Amino acid sequence: MTREPESRAVGEHQVCRFSIAVNGYGEKVSFLDVEAWRKTAEIVQEYAGKGKLVTVVGQLEQQRWEQDGQKRSRVIVRADRIELGPKTTGAASITTDDGFDDVPGVSTADVPF
């Protein structure tokens, strides 16, 4: 994680936003904004922080808005699951129902990568 998580209430739900660095090919590093909701957001706020190793599984979501007459957009990762700590040390897995439905008839085994 590249910064401390920031949480706030949205209606009856908690949302937590933070950033991660992802290693790419060679020395390339990408920085991604992540959004976690509900119980996942609460746990990230309590147990994770800047410099912590996390694994994020989720969906890309493009957000669009207008600011000062200019159209803007960004892509975030909407977290479905977050694992705290390195995978090899028995990381804790956090999974919550975020309201997204699975695609019928498609399994992860069908994904070619």
PDB file of N, CA and C in Angstrom:
ATOM      1  N   MET A   1       0.852  -1.171   0.000  1.00  0.00           N
ATOM      2  CA  MET A   1       0.000   0.000   0.000  1.00  0.00           C
ATOM      3  C   MET A   1       0.897   1.233   0.000  1.00  0.00           C
ATOM      4  N   THR A   2       0.524   2.198  -0.823  1.00  0.00           N
ATOM      5  CA  THR A   2       1.358   3.392  -0.958  1.00  0.00           C
ATOM      6  C   THR A   2       0.876   4.565  -0.121  1.00  0.00           C
ATOM      7  N   ARG A   3      -0.293   4.443   0.477  1.00  0.00           N
ATOM      8  CA  ARG A   3      -0.783   5.492   1.387  1.00  0.00           C
ATOM      9  C   ARG A   3      -1.754   4.873   2.381  1.00  0.00           C
ATOM     10  N   GLU A   4      -1.988   5.602   3.462  1.00  0.00           N
ATOM     11  CA  GLU A   4      -2.914   5.139   4.485  1.00  0.00           C
ATOM     12  C   GLU A   4      -4.331   5.069   3.909  1.00  0.00           C
ATOM     13  N   PRO A   5      -5.123   4.072   4.311  1.00  0.00           N
ATOM     14  CA  PRO A   5      -6.506   3.994   3.838  1.00  0.00           C
ATOM     15  C   PRO A   5      -7.338   5.130   4.416  1.00  0.00           C
ATOM     16  N   GLU A   6      -8.267   5.618   3.615  1.00  0.00           N
ATOM     17  CA  GLU A   6      -9.189   6.671   4.050  1.00  0.00           C
ATOM     18  C   GLU A   6     -10.598   6.109   3.976  1.00  0.00           C
ATOM     19  N   SER A   7     -11.323   6.173   5.089  1.00  0.00           N
ATOM     20  CA  SER A   7     -12.681   5.620   5.140  1.00  0.00           C
ATOM     21  C   SER A   7     -13.700   6.718   5.362  1.00  0.00           C
ATOM     22  N   ARG A   8     -14.907   6.442   4.858  1.00  0.00           N
ATOM     23  CA  ARG A   8     -16.043   7.329   5.126  1.00  0.00           C
ATOM     24  C   ARG A   8     -17.324   6.534   4.944  1.00  0.00           C
ATOM     25  N   ALA A   9     -18.386   7.067   5.495  1.00  0.00           N
ATOM     26  CA  ALA A   9     -19.695   6.428   5.356  1.00  0.00           C
ATOM     27  C   ALA A   9     -20.364   6.942   4.085  1.00  0.00           C
ATOM     28  N   VAL A  10     -20.957   6.023   3.345  1.00  0.00           N
ATOM     29  CA  VAL A  10     -21.766   6.362   2.173  1.00  0.00           C
ATOM     30  C   VAL A  10     -23.120   5.717   2.420  1.00  0.00           C
ATOM     31  N   GLY A  11     -24.069   6.528   2.842  1.00  0.00           N
ATOM     32  CA  GLY A  11     -25.357   5.978   3.251  1.00  0.00           C
ATOM     33  C   GLY A  11     -25.143   5.107   4.472  1.00  0.00           C
ATOM     34  N   GLU A  12     -25.592   3.877   4.394  1.00  0.00           N
ATOM     35  CA  GLU A  12     -25.436   2.937   5.503  1.00  0.00           C
ATOM     36  C   GLU A  12     -24.148   2.121   5.415  1.00  0.00           C
ATOM     37  N   HIS A  13     -23.360   2.334   4.377  1.00  0.00           N
ATOM     38  CA  HIS A  13     -22.190   1.496   4.130  1.00  0.00           C
ATOM     39  C   HIS A  13     -20.890   2.264   4.341  1.00  0.00           C
ATOM     40  N   GLN A  14     -19.846   1.521   4.647  1.00  0.00           N
ATOM     41  CA  GLN A  14     -18.500   2.062   4.810  1.00  0.00           C
ATOM     42  C   GLN A  14     -17.728   1.834   3.522  1.00  0.00           C
ATOM     43  N   VAL A  15     -16.987   2.846   3.063  1.00  0.00           N
ATOM     44  CA  VAL A  15     -16.109   2.701   1.908  1.00  0.00           C
ATOM     45  C   VAL A  15     -14.708   3.118   2.338  1.00  0.00           C
ATOM     46  N   CYS A  16     -13.722   2.372   1.870  1.00  0.00           N
ATOM     47  CA  CYS A  16     -12.326   2.648   2.199  1.00  0.00           C
ATOM     48  C   CYS A  16     -11.556   2.759   0.891  1.00  0.00           C
ATOM     49  N   ARG A  17     -10.775   3.824   0.763  1.00  0.00           N
ATOM     50  CA  ARG A  17      -9.980   4.028  -0.448  1.00  0.00           C
ATOM     51  C   ARG A  17      -8.506   4.050  -0.073  1.00  0.00           C
ATOM     52  N   PHE A  18      -7.695   3.432  -0.927  1.00  0.00           N
ATOM     53  CA  PHE A  18      -6.250   3.432  -0.730  1.00  0.00           C
ATOM     54  C   PHE A  18      -5.588   3.167  -2.071  1.00  0.00           C
ATOM     55  N   SER A  19      -4.269   3.254  -2.106  1.00  0.00           N
ATOM     56  CA  SER A  19      -3.516   3.028  -3.341  1.00  0.00           C
ATOM     57  C   SER A  19      -2.517   1.902  -3.139  1.00  0.00           C
ATOM     58  N   ILE A  20      -2.236   1.210  -4.241  1.00  0.00           N
ATOM     59  CA  ILE A  20      -1.232   0.149  -4.217  1.00  0.00           C
ATOM     60  C   ILE A  20      -0.247   0.359  -5.364  1.00  0.00           C
ATOM     61  N   ALA A  21       0.939  -0.183  -5.208  1.00  0.00           N
ATOM     62  CA  ALA A  21       1.932  -0.209  -6.276  1.00  0.00           C
ATOM     63  C   ALA A  21       1.997  -1.638  -6.791  1.00  0.00           C
ATOM     64  N   VAL A  22       2.014  -1.789  -8.106  1.00  0.00           N
ATOM     65  CA  VAL A  22       2.048  -3.109  -8.735  1.00  0.00           C
ATOM     66  C   VAL A  22       3.284  -3.186  -9.621  1.00  0.00           C
ATOM     67  N   ASN A  23       4.120  -4.188  -9.381  1.00  0.00           N
ATOM     68  CA  ASN A  23       5.310  -4.367 -10.209  1.00  0.00           C
ATOM     69  C   ASN A  23       4.904  -4.841 -11.590  1.00  0.00           C
ATOM     70  N   GLY A  24       5.539  -4.263 -12.593  1.00  0.00           N
ATOM     71  CA  GLY A  24       5.293  -4.666 -13.970  1.00  0.00           C
ATOM     72  C   GLY A  24       6.520  -5.326 -14.541  1.00  0.00           C
ATOM     73  N   TYR A  25       6.663  -5.292 -15.852  1.00  0.00           N
ATOM     74  CA  TYR A  25       7.837  -5.862 -16.510  1.00  0.00           C
ATOM     75  C   TYR A  25       9.036  -4.957 -16.283  1.00  0.00           C
ATOM     76  N   GLY A  26      10.197  -5.578 -16.069  1.00  0.00           N
ATOM     77  CA  GLY A  26      11.406  -4.800 -15.834  1.00  0.00           C
ATOM     78  C   GLY A  26      11.268  -3.989 -14.553  1.00  0.00           C
ATOM     79  N   GLU A  27      11.551  -2.707 -14.653  1.00  0.00           N
ATOM     80  CA  GLU A  27      11.470  -1.836 -13.475  1.00  0.00           C
ATOM     81  C   GLU A  27      10.195  -0.995 -13.468  1.00  0.00           C
ATOM     82  N   LYS A  28       9.261  -1.290 -14.348  1.00  0.00           N
ATOM     83  CA  LYS A  28       8.022  -0.511 -14.437  1.00  0.00           C
ATOM     84  C   LYS A  28       7.110  -0.802 -13.245  1.00  0.00           C
ATOM     85  N   VAL A  29       6.590   0.258 -12.644  1.00  0.00           N
ATOM     86  CA  VAL A  29       5.667   0.153 -11.517  1.00  0.00           C
ATOM     87  C   VAL A  29       4.412   0.935 -11.865  1.00  0.00           C
ATOM     88  N   SER A  30       3.253   0.341 -11.612  1.00  0.00           N
ATOM     89  CA  SER A  30       1.970   1.031 -11.806  1.00  0.00           C
ATOM     90  C   SER A  30       1.354   1.300 -10.444  1.00  0.00           C
ATOM     91  N   PHE A  31       0.696   2.439 -10.325  1.00  0.00           N
ATOM     92  CA  PHE A  31       0.022   2.809  -9.083  1.00  0.00           C
ATOM     93  C   PHE A  31      -1.476   2.796  -9.338  1.00  0.00           C
ATOM     94  N   LEU A  32      -2.216   2.037  -8.529  1.00  0.00           N
ATOM     95  CA  LEU A  32      -3.647   1.868  -8.722  1.00  0.00           C
ATOM     96  C   LEU A  32      -4.408   2.312  -7.481  1.00  0.00           C
ATOM     97  N   ASP A  33      -5.540   2.975  -7.700  1.00  0.00           N
ATOM     98  CA  ASP A  33      -6.444   3.314  -6.606  1.00  0.00           C
ATOM     99  C   ASP A  33      -7.401   2.150  -6.397  1.00  0.00           C
ATOM    100  N   VAL A  34      -7.663   1.825  -5.131  1.00  0.00           N
ATOM    101  CA  VAL A  34      -8.517   0.706  -4.768  1.00  0.00           C
ATOM    102  C   VAL A  34      -9.635   1.212  -3.878  1.00  0.00           C
ATOM    103  N   GLU A  35     -10.816   0.640  -4.073  1.00  0.00           N
ATOM    104  CA  GLU A  35     -11.986   0.981  -3.266  1.00  0.00           C
ATOM    105  C   GLU A  35     -12.567  -0.306  -2.697  1.00  0.00           C
ATOM    106  N   ALA A  36     -12.688  -0.367  -1.374  1.00  0.00           N
ATOM    107  CA  ALA A  36     -13.281  -1.524  -0.700  1.00  0.00           C
ATOM    108  C   ALA A  36     -14.531  -1.052   0.030  1.00  0.00           C
ATOM    109  N   TRP A  37     -15.529  -1.925   0.114  1.00  0.00           N
ATOM    110  CA  TRP A  37     -16.811  -1.562   0.711  1.00  0.00           C
ATOM    111  C   TRP A  37     -17.154  -2.472   1.879  1.00  0.00           C
ATOM    112  N   ARG A  38     -18.050  -2.012   2.699  1.00  0.00           N
ATOM    113  CA  ARG A  38     -18.674  -2.746   3.799  1.00  0.00           C
ATOM    114  C   ARG A  38     -17.648  -3.314   4.779  1.00  0.00           C
ATOM    115  N   LYS A  39     -17.763  -4.575   5.126  1.00  0.00           N
ATOM    116  CA  LYS A  39     -16.897  -5.195   6.130  1.00  0.00           C
ATOM    117  C   LYS A  39     -15.440  -5.193   5.665  1.00  0.00           C
ATOM    118  N   THR A  40     -15.203  -5.395   4.376  1.00  0.00           N
ATOM    119  CA  THR A  40     -13.847  -5.358   3.851  1.00  0.00           C
ATOM    120  C   THR A  40     -13.220  -3.996   4.125  1.00  0.00           C
ATOM    121  N   ALA A  41     -13.983  -2.929   3.929  1.00  0.00           N
ATOM    122  CA  ALA A  41     -13.488  -1.575   4.192  1.00  0.00           C
ATOM    123  C   ALA A  41     -13.112  -1.402   5.658  1.00  0.00           C
ATOM    124  N   GLU A  42     -13.939  -1.903   6.547  1.00  0.00           N
ATOM    125  CA  GLU A  42     -13.670  -1.785   7.978  1.00  0.00           C
ATOM    126  C   GLU A  42     -12.387  -2.511   8.369  1.00  0.00           C
ATOM    127  N   ILE A  43     -12.191  -3.711   7.820  1.00  0.00           N
ATOM    128  CA  ILE A  43     -11.012  -4.506   8.163  1.00  0.00           C
ATOM    129  C   ILE A  43      -9.741  -3.880   7.585  1.00  0.00           C
ATOM    130  N   VAL A  44      -9.818  -3.379   6.344  1.00  0.00           N
ATOM    131  CA  VAL A  44      -8.653  -2.706   5.750  1.00  0.00           C
ATOM    132  C   VAL A  44      -8.273  -1.498   6.603  1.00  0.00           C
ATOM    133  N   GLN A  45      -9.259  -0.714   7.012  1.00  0.00           N
ATOM    134  CA  GLN A  45      -8.985   0.475   7.818  1.00  0.00           C
ATOM    135  C   GLN A  45      -8.311   0.096   9.137  1.00  0.00           C
ATOM    136  N   GLU A  46      -8.737  -1.010   9.723  1.00  0.00           N
ATOM    137  CA  GLU A  46      -8.211  -1.406  11.025  1.00  0.00           C
ATOM    138  C   GLU A  46      -6.844  -2.093  10.951  1.00  0.00           C
ATOM    139  N   TYR A  47      -6.618  -2.955   9.948  1.00  0.00           N
ATOM    140  CA  TYR A  47      -5.434  -3.809   9.948  1.00  0.00           C
ATOM    141  C   TYR A  47      -4.388  -3.501   8.883  1.00  0.00           C
ATOM    142  N   ALA A  48      -4.700  -2.707   7.879  1.00  0.00           N
ATOM    143  CA  ALA A  48      -3.747  -2.439   6.806  1.00  0.00           C
ATOM    144  C   ALA A  48      -3.313  -0.967   6.857  1.00  0.00           C
ATOM    145  N   GLY A  49      -2.196  -0.676   6.213  1.00  0.00           N
ATOM    146  CA  GLY A  49      -1.711   0.694   6.186  1.00  0.00           C
ATOM    147  C   GLY A  49      -0.571   0.849   5.204  1.00  0.00           C
ATOM    148  N   LYS A  50      -0.103   2.070   5.083  1.00  0.00           N
ATOM    149  CA  LYS A  50       0.978   2.384   4.156  1.00  0.00           C
ATOM    150  C   LYS A  50       2.163   1.456   4.404  1.00  0.00           C
ATOM    151  N   GLY A  51       2.698   0.885   3.318  1.00  0.00           N
ATOM    152  CA  GLY A  51       3.841  -0.001   3.402  1.00  0.00           C
ATOM    153  C   GLY A  51       3.478  -1.465   3.597  1.00  0.00           C
ATOM    154  N   LYS A  52       2.220  -1.758   3.899  1.00  0.00           N
ATOM    155  CA  LYS A  52       1.794  -3.144   4.107  1.00  0.00           C
ATOM    156  C   LYS A  52       1.616  -3.838   2.762  1.00  0.00           C
ATOM    157  N   LEU A  53       1.920  -5.127   2.738  1.00  0.00           N
ATOM    158  CA  LEU A  53       1.739  -5.940   1.543  1.00  0.00           C
ATOM    159  C   LEU A  53       0.308  -6.450   1.512  1.00  0.00           C
ATOM    160  N   VAL A  54      -0.399  -6.182   0.420  1.00  0.00           N
ATOM    161  CA  VAL A  54      -1.770  -6.670   0.257  1.00  0.00           C
ATOM    162  C   VAL A  54      -1.918  -7.255  -1.136  1.00  0.00           C
ATOM    163  N   THR A  55      -2.808  -8.228  -1.244  1.00  0.00           N
ATOM    164  CA  THR A  55      -3.211  -8.758  -2.535  1.00  0.00           C
ATOM    165  C   THR A  55      -4.664  -8.365  -2.732  1.00  0.00           C
ATOM    166  N   VAL A  56      -4.952  -7.744  -3.859  1.00  0.00           N
ATOM    167  CA  VAL A  56      -6.302  -7.268  -4.141  1.00  0.00           C
ATOM    168  C   VAL A  56      -6.862  -8.030  -5.326  1.00  0.00           C
ATOM    169  N   VAL A  57      -8.049  -8.592  -5.147  1.00  0.00           N
ATOM    170  CA  VAL A  57      -8.771  -9.243  -6.231  1.00  0.00           C
ATOM    171  C   VAL A  57     -10.043  -8.435  -6.421  1.00  0.00           C
ATOM    172  N   GLY A  58     -10.283  -8.003  -7.653  1.00  0.00           N
ATOM    173  CA  GLY A  58     -11.464  -7.188  -7.882  1.00  0.00           C
ATOM    174  C   GLY A  58     -11.701  -6.918  -9.344  1.00  0.00           C
ATOM    175  N   GLN A  59     -12.537  -5.936  -9.568  1.00  0.00           N
ATOM    176  CA  GLN A  59     -12.922  -5.573 -10.926  1.00  0.00           C
ATOM    177  C   GLN A  59     -12.495  -4.148 -11.209  1.00  0.00           C
ATOM    178  N   LEU A  60     -12.102  -3.891 -12.453  1.00  0.00           N
ATOM    179  CA  LEU A  60     -11.791  -2.525 -12.847  1.00  0.00           C
ATOM    180  C   LEU A  60     -13.094  -1.770 -13.078  1.00  0.00           C
ATOM    181  N   GLU A  61     -13.121  -0.535 -12.623  1.00  0.00           N
ATOM    182  CA  GLU A  61     -14.313   0.287 -12.784  1.00  0.00           C
ATOM    183  C   GLU A  61     -13.888   1.677 -13.241  1.00  0.00           C
ATOM    184  N   GLN A  62     -14.460   2.144 -14.343  1.00  0.00           N
ATOM    185  CA  GLN A  62     -14.154   3.497 -14.811  1.00  0.00           C
ATOM    186  C   GLN A  62     -15.153   4.464 -14.208  1.00  0.00           C
ATOM    187  N   GLN A  63     -14.640   5.509 -13.575  1.00  0.00           N
ATOM    188  CA  GLN A  63     -15.481   6.552 -12.992  1.00  0.00           C
ATOM    189  C   GLN A  63     -15.336   7.804 -13.845  1.00  0.00           C
ATOM    190  N   ARG A  64     -16.459   8.445 -14.134  1.00  0.00           N
ATOM    191  CA  ARG A  64     -16.451   9.660 -14.966  1.00  0.00           C
ATOM    192  C   ARG A  64     -17.191  10.768 -14.242  1.00  0.00           C
ATOM    193  N   TRP A  65     -16.696  11.986 -14.381  1.00  0.00           N
ATOM    194  CA  TRP A  65     -17.353  13.146 -13.793  1.00  0.00           C
ATOM    195  C   TRP A  65     -16.903  14.399 -14.541  1.00  0.00           C
ATOM    196  N   GLU A  66     -17.549  15.503 -14.233  1.00  0.00           N
ATOM    197  CA  GLU A  66     -17.190  16.772 -14.838  1.00  0.00           C
ATOM    198  C   GLU A  66     -16.761  17.719 -13.732  1.00  0.00           C
ATOM    199  N   GLN A  67     -15.623  18.404 -13.955  1.00  0.00           N
ATOM    200  CA  GLN A  67     -15.087  19.320 -12.958  1.00  0.00           C
ATOM    201  C   GLN A  67     -14.600  20.571 -13.672  1.00  0.00           C
ATOM    202  N   ASP A  68     -15.099  21.703 -13.259  1.00  0.00           N
ATOM    203  CA  ASP A  68     -14.726  22.988 -13.866  1.00  0.00           C
ATOM    204  C   ASP A  68     -14.917  22.972 -15.381  1.00  0.00           C
ATOM    205  N   GLY A  69     -16.003  22.357 -15.833  1.00  0.00           N
ATOM    206  CA  GLY A  69     -16.305  22.298 -17.252  1.00  0.00           C
ATOM    207  C   GLY A  69     -15.485  21.287 -18.041  1.00  0.00           C
ATOM    208  N   GLN A  70     -14.629  20.550 -17.377  1.00  0.00           N
ATOM    209  CA  GLN A  70     -13.787  19.553 -18.042  1.00  0.00           C
ATOM    210  C   GLN A  70     -14.268  18.153 -17.690  1.00  0.00           C
ATOM    211  N   LYS A  71     -14.359  17.291 -18.691  1.00  0.00           N
ATOM    212  CA  LYS A  71     -14.713  15.899 -18.444  1.00  0.00           C
ATOM    213  C   LYS A  71     -13.480  15.172 -17.933  1.00  0.00           C
ATOM    214  N   ARG A  72     -13.659  14.408 -16.867  1.00  0.00           N
ATOM    215  CA  ARG A  72     -12.558  13.667 -16.257  1.00  0.00           C
ATOM    216  C   ARG A  72     -12.969  12.217 -16.063  1.00  0.00           C
ATOM    217  N   SER A  73     -11.971  11.352 -15.965  1.00  0.00           N
ATOM    218  CA  SER A  73     -12.241   9.942 -15.679  1.00  0.00           C
ATOM    219  C   SER A  73     -11.017   9.321 -15.036  1.00  0.00           C
ATOM    220  N   ARG A  74     -11.245   8.218 -14.375  1.00  0.00           N
ATOM    221  CA  ARG A  74     -10.163   7.427 -13.804  1.00  0.00           C
ATOM    222  C   ARG A  74     -10.650   5.997 -13.692  1.00  0.00           C
ATOM    223  N   VAL A  75      -9.706   5.083 -13.626  1.00  0.00           N
ATOM    224  CA  VAL A  75     -10.016   3.672 -13.455  1.00  0.00           C
ATOM    225  C   VAL A  75      -9.543   3.267 -12.064  1.00  0.00           C
ATOM    226  N   ILE A  76     -10.424   2.622 -11.309  1.00  0.00           N
ATOM    227  CA  ILE A  76     -10.082   2.132  -9.985  1.00  0.00           C
ATOM    228  C   ILE A  76     -10.275   0.616  -9.953  1.00  0.00           C
ATOM    229  N   VAL A  77      -9.763  -0.013  -8.903  1.00  0.00           N
ATOM    230  CA  VAL A  77     -10.037  -1.422  -8.658  1.00  0.00           C
ATOM    231  C   VAL A  77     -11.095  -1.474  -7.573  1.00  0.00           C
ATOM    232  N   ARG A  78     -12.229  -2.064  -7.888  1.00  0.00           N
ATOM    233  CA  ARG A  78     -13.289  -2.274  -6.896  1.00  0.00           C
ATOM    234  C   ARG A  78     -13.033  -3.640  -6.276  1.00  0.00           C
ATOM    235  N   ALA A  79     -12.548  -3.641  -5.034  1.00  0.00           N
ATOM    236  CA  ALA A  79     -12.070  -4.868  -4.394  1.00  0.00           C
ATOM    237  C   ALA A  79     -13.207  -5.813  -4.052  1.00  0.00           C
ATOM    238  N   ASP A  80     -13.085  -7.061  -4.503  1.00  0.00           N
ATOM    239  CA  ASP A  80     -13.978  -8.145  -4.097  1.00  0.00           C
ATOM    240  C   ASP A  80     -13.381  -8.891  -2.908  1.00  0.00           C
ATOM    241  N   ARG A  81     -12.037  -9.013  -2.906  1.00  0.00           N
ATOM    242  CA  ARG A  81     -11.333  -9.730  -1.843  1.00  0.00           C
ATOM    243  C   ARG A  81      -9.967  -9.089  -1.643  1.00  0.00           C
ATOM    244  N   ILE A  82      -9.537  -9.008  -0.404  1.00  0.00           N
ATOM    245  CA  ILE A  82      -8.223  -8.468  -0.071  1.00  0.00           C
ATOM    246  C   ILE A  82      -7.539  -9.444   0.870  1.00  0.00           C
ATOM    247  N   GLU A  83      -6.294  -9.779   0.541  1.00  0.00           N
ATOM    248  CA  GLU A  83      -5.491 -10.639   1.410  1.00  0.00           C
ATOM    249  C   GLU A  83      -4.413  -9.769   2.038  1.00  0.00           C
ATOM    250  N   LEU A  84      -4.278  -9.866   3.346  1.00  0.00           N
ATOM    251  CA  LEU A  84      -3.288  -9.085   4.070  1.00  0.00           C
ATOM    252  C   LEU A  84      -2.029  -9.901   4.264  1.00  0.00           C
ATOM    253  N   GLY A  85      -0.884  -9.312   3.977  1.00  0.00           N
ATOM    254  CA  GLY A  85       0.386  -9.982   4.192  1.00  0.00           C
ATOM    255  C   GLY A  85       0.772 -10.841   3.016  1.00  0.00           C
ATOM    256  N   PRO A  86       2.002 -11.370   3.051  1.00  0.00           N
ATOM    257  CA  PRO A  86       2.463 -12.226   1.951  1.00  0.00           C
ATOM    258  C   PRO A  86       1.694 -13.535   1.895  1.00  0.00           C
ATOM    259  N   LYS A  87       1.401 -13.974   0.703  1.00  0.00           N
ATOM    260  CA  LYS A  87       0.629 -15.193   0.495  1.00  0.00           C
ATOM    261  C   LYS A  87       1.301 -16.412   1.111  1.00  0.00           C
ATOM    262  N   THR A  88       2.632 -16.439   1.141  1.00  0.00           N
ATOM    263  CA  THR A  88       3.362 -17.606   1.628  1.00  0.00           C
ATOM    264  C   THR A  88       3.310 -17.758   3.146  1.00  0.00           C
ATOM    265  N   THR A  89       2.810 -16.760   3.862  1.00  0.00           N
ATOM    266  CA  THR A  89       2.774 -16.845   5.325  1.00  0.00           C
ATOM    267  C   THR A  89       1.363 -17.063   5.838  1.00  0.00           C
ATOM    268  N   GLY A  90       0.491 -17.592   5.008  1.00  0.00           N
ATOM    269  CA  GLY A  90      -0.870 -17.850   5.456  1.00  0.00           C
ATOM    270  C   GLY A  90      -1.660 -16.570   5.644  1.00  0.00           C
ATOM    271  N   ALA A  91      -1.702 -15.733   4.640  1.00  0.00           N
ATOM    272  CA  ALA A  91      -2.378 -14.452   4.727  1.00  0.00           C
ATOM    273  C   ALA A  91      -3.857 -14.624   5.047  1.00  0.00           C
ATOM    274  N   ALA A  92      -4.392 -13.663   5.771  1.00  0.00           N
ATOM    275  CA  ALA A  92      -5.823 -13.670   6.076  1.00  0.00           C
ATOM    276  C   ALA A  92      -6.583 -13.223   4.832  1.00  0.00           C
ATOM    277  N   SER A  93      -7.619 -13.912   4.491  1.00  0.00           N
ATOM    278  CA  SER A  93      -8.431 -13.567   3.330  1.00  0.00           C
ATOM    279  C   SER A  93      -9.738 -12.962   3.793  1.00  0.00           C
ATOM    280  N   ILE A  94     -10.098 -11.838   3.182  1.00  0.00           N
ATOM    281  CA  ILE A  94     -11.313 -11.133   3.548  1.00  0.00           C
ATOM    282  C   ILE A  94     -12.226 -11.128   2.330  1.00  0.00           C
ATOM    283  N   THR A  95     -13.405 -11.681   2.465  1.00  0.00           N
ATOM    284  CA  THR A  95     -14.347 -11.714   1.359  1.00  0.00           C
ATOM    285  C   THR A  95     -15.694 -11.222   1.847  1.00  0.00           C
ATOM    286  N   THR A  96     -16.292 -10.327   1.087  1.00  0.00           N
ATOM    287  CA  THR A  96     -17.624  -9.840   1.431  1.00  0.00           C
ATOM    288  C   THR A  96     -18.479  -9.820   0.184  1.00  0.00           C
ATOM    289  N   ASP A  97     -19.762  -9.813   0.372  1.00  0.00           N
ATOM    290  CA  ASP A  97     -20.691  -9.701  -0.744  1.00  0.00           C
ATOM    291  C   ASP A  97     -20.860  -8.228  -1.049  1.00  0.00           C
ATOM    292  N   ASP A  98     -20.369  -7.805  -2.222  1.00  0.00           N
ATOM    293  CA  ASP A  98     -20.453  -6.395  -2.572  1.00  0.00           C
ATOM    294  C   ASP A  98     -21.607  -6.089  -3.522  1.00  0.00           C
ATOM    295  N   GLY A  99     -22.486  -7.064  -3.747  1.00  0.00           N
ATOM    296  CA  GLY A  99     -23.649  -6.826  -4.580  1.00  0.00           C
ATOM    297  C   GLY A  99     -23.473  -7.194  -6.041  1.00  0.00           C
ATOM    298  N   PHE A 100     -22.258  -7.559  -6.462  1.00  0.00           N
ATOM    299  CA  PHE A 100     -22.040  -7.959  -7.840  1.00  0.00           C
ATOM    300  C   PHE A 100     -22.425  -9.429  -8.000  1.00  0.00           C
ATOM    301  N   ASP A 101     -23.093  -9.753  -9.079  1.00  0.00           N
ATOM    302  CA  ASP A 101     -23.476 -11.130  -9.358  1.00  0.00           C
ATOM    303  C   ASP A 101     -22.436 -11.786 -10.248  1.00  0.00           C
ATOM    304  N   ASP A 102     -22.231 -13.099 -10.054  1.00  0.00           N
ATOM    305  CA  ASP A 102     -21.352 -13.854 -10.929  1.00  0.00           C
ATOM    306  C   ASP A 102     -22.001 -13.985 -12.300  1.00  0.00           C
ATOM    307  N   VAL A 103     -21.176 -14.132 -13.328  1.00  0.00           N
ATOM    308  CA  VAL A 103     -21.689 -14.318 -14.678  1.00  0.00           C
ATOM    309  C   VAL A 103     -22.083 -15.783 -14.814  1.00  0.00           C
ATOM    310  N   PRO A 104     -23.360 -16.078 -15.136  1.00  0.00           N
ATOM    311  CA  PRO A 104     -23.790 -17.472 -15.237  1.00  0.00           C
ATOM    312  C   PRO A 104     -23.028 -18.226 -16.310  1.00  0.00           C
ATOM    313  N   GLY A 105     -22.639 -19.462 -16.002  1.00  0.00           N
ATOM    314  CA  GLY A 105     -21.998 -20.316 -16.987  1.00  0.00           C
ATOM    315  C   GLY A 105     -20.526 -20.034 -17.226  1.00  0.00           C
ATOM    316  N   VAL A 106     -19.914 -19.099 -16.477  1.00  0.00           N
ATOM    317  CA  VAL A 106     -18.516 -18.783 -16.659  1.00  0.00           C
ATOM    318  C   VAL A 106     -17.778 -19.054 -15.353  1.00  0.00           C
ATOM    319  N   SER A 107     -16.690 -19.813 -15.458  1.00  0.00           N
ATOM    320  CA  SER A 107     -15.876 -20.072 -14.268  1.00  0.00           C
ATOM    321  C   SER A 107     -14.488 -19.505 -14.495  1.00  0.00           C
ATOM    322  N   THR A 108     -13.723 -19.376 -13.419  1.00  0.00           N
ATOM    323  CA  THR A 108     -12.366 -18.859 -13.554  1.00  0.00           C
ATOM    324  C   THR A 108     -11.499 -19.785 -14.400  1.00  0.00           C
ATOM    325  N   ALA A 109     -11.862 -21.061 -14.486  1.00  0.00           N
ATOM    326  CA  ALA A 109     -11.124 -22.000 -15.329  1.00  0.00           C
ATOM    327  C   ALA A 109     -11.267 -21.651 -16.810  1.00  0.00           C
ATOM    328  N   ASP A 110     -12.317 -20.902 -17.164  1.00  0.00           N
ATOM    329  CA  ASP A 110     -12.544 -20.509 -18.552  1.00  0.00           C
ATOM    330  C   ASP A 110     -11.696 -19.316 -18.968  1.00  0.00           C
ATOM    331  N   VAL A 111     -11.102 -18.609 -18.009  1.00  0.00           N
ATOM    332  CA  VAL A 111     -10.298 -17.420 -18.325  1.00  0.00           C
ATOM    333  C   VAL A 111      -8.936 -17.867 -18.809  1.00  0.00           C
ATOM    334  N   PRO A 112      -8.487 -17.373 -19.987  1.00  0.00           N
ATOM    335  CA  PRO A 112      -7.269 -17.901 -20.606  1.00  0.00           C
ATOM    336  C   PRO A 112      -5.968 -17.388 -20.003  1.00  0.00           C
ATOM    337  N   PHE A 113      -5.993 -16.671 -18.902  1.00  0.00           N
ATOM    338  CA  PHE A 113      -4.735 -16.164 -18.313  1.00  0.00           C
ATOM    339  C   PHE A 113      -4.778 -16.267 -16.822  1.00  0.00           C
TER     340      PHE A 113
END
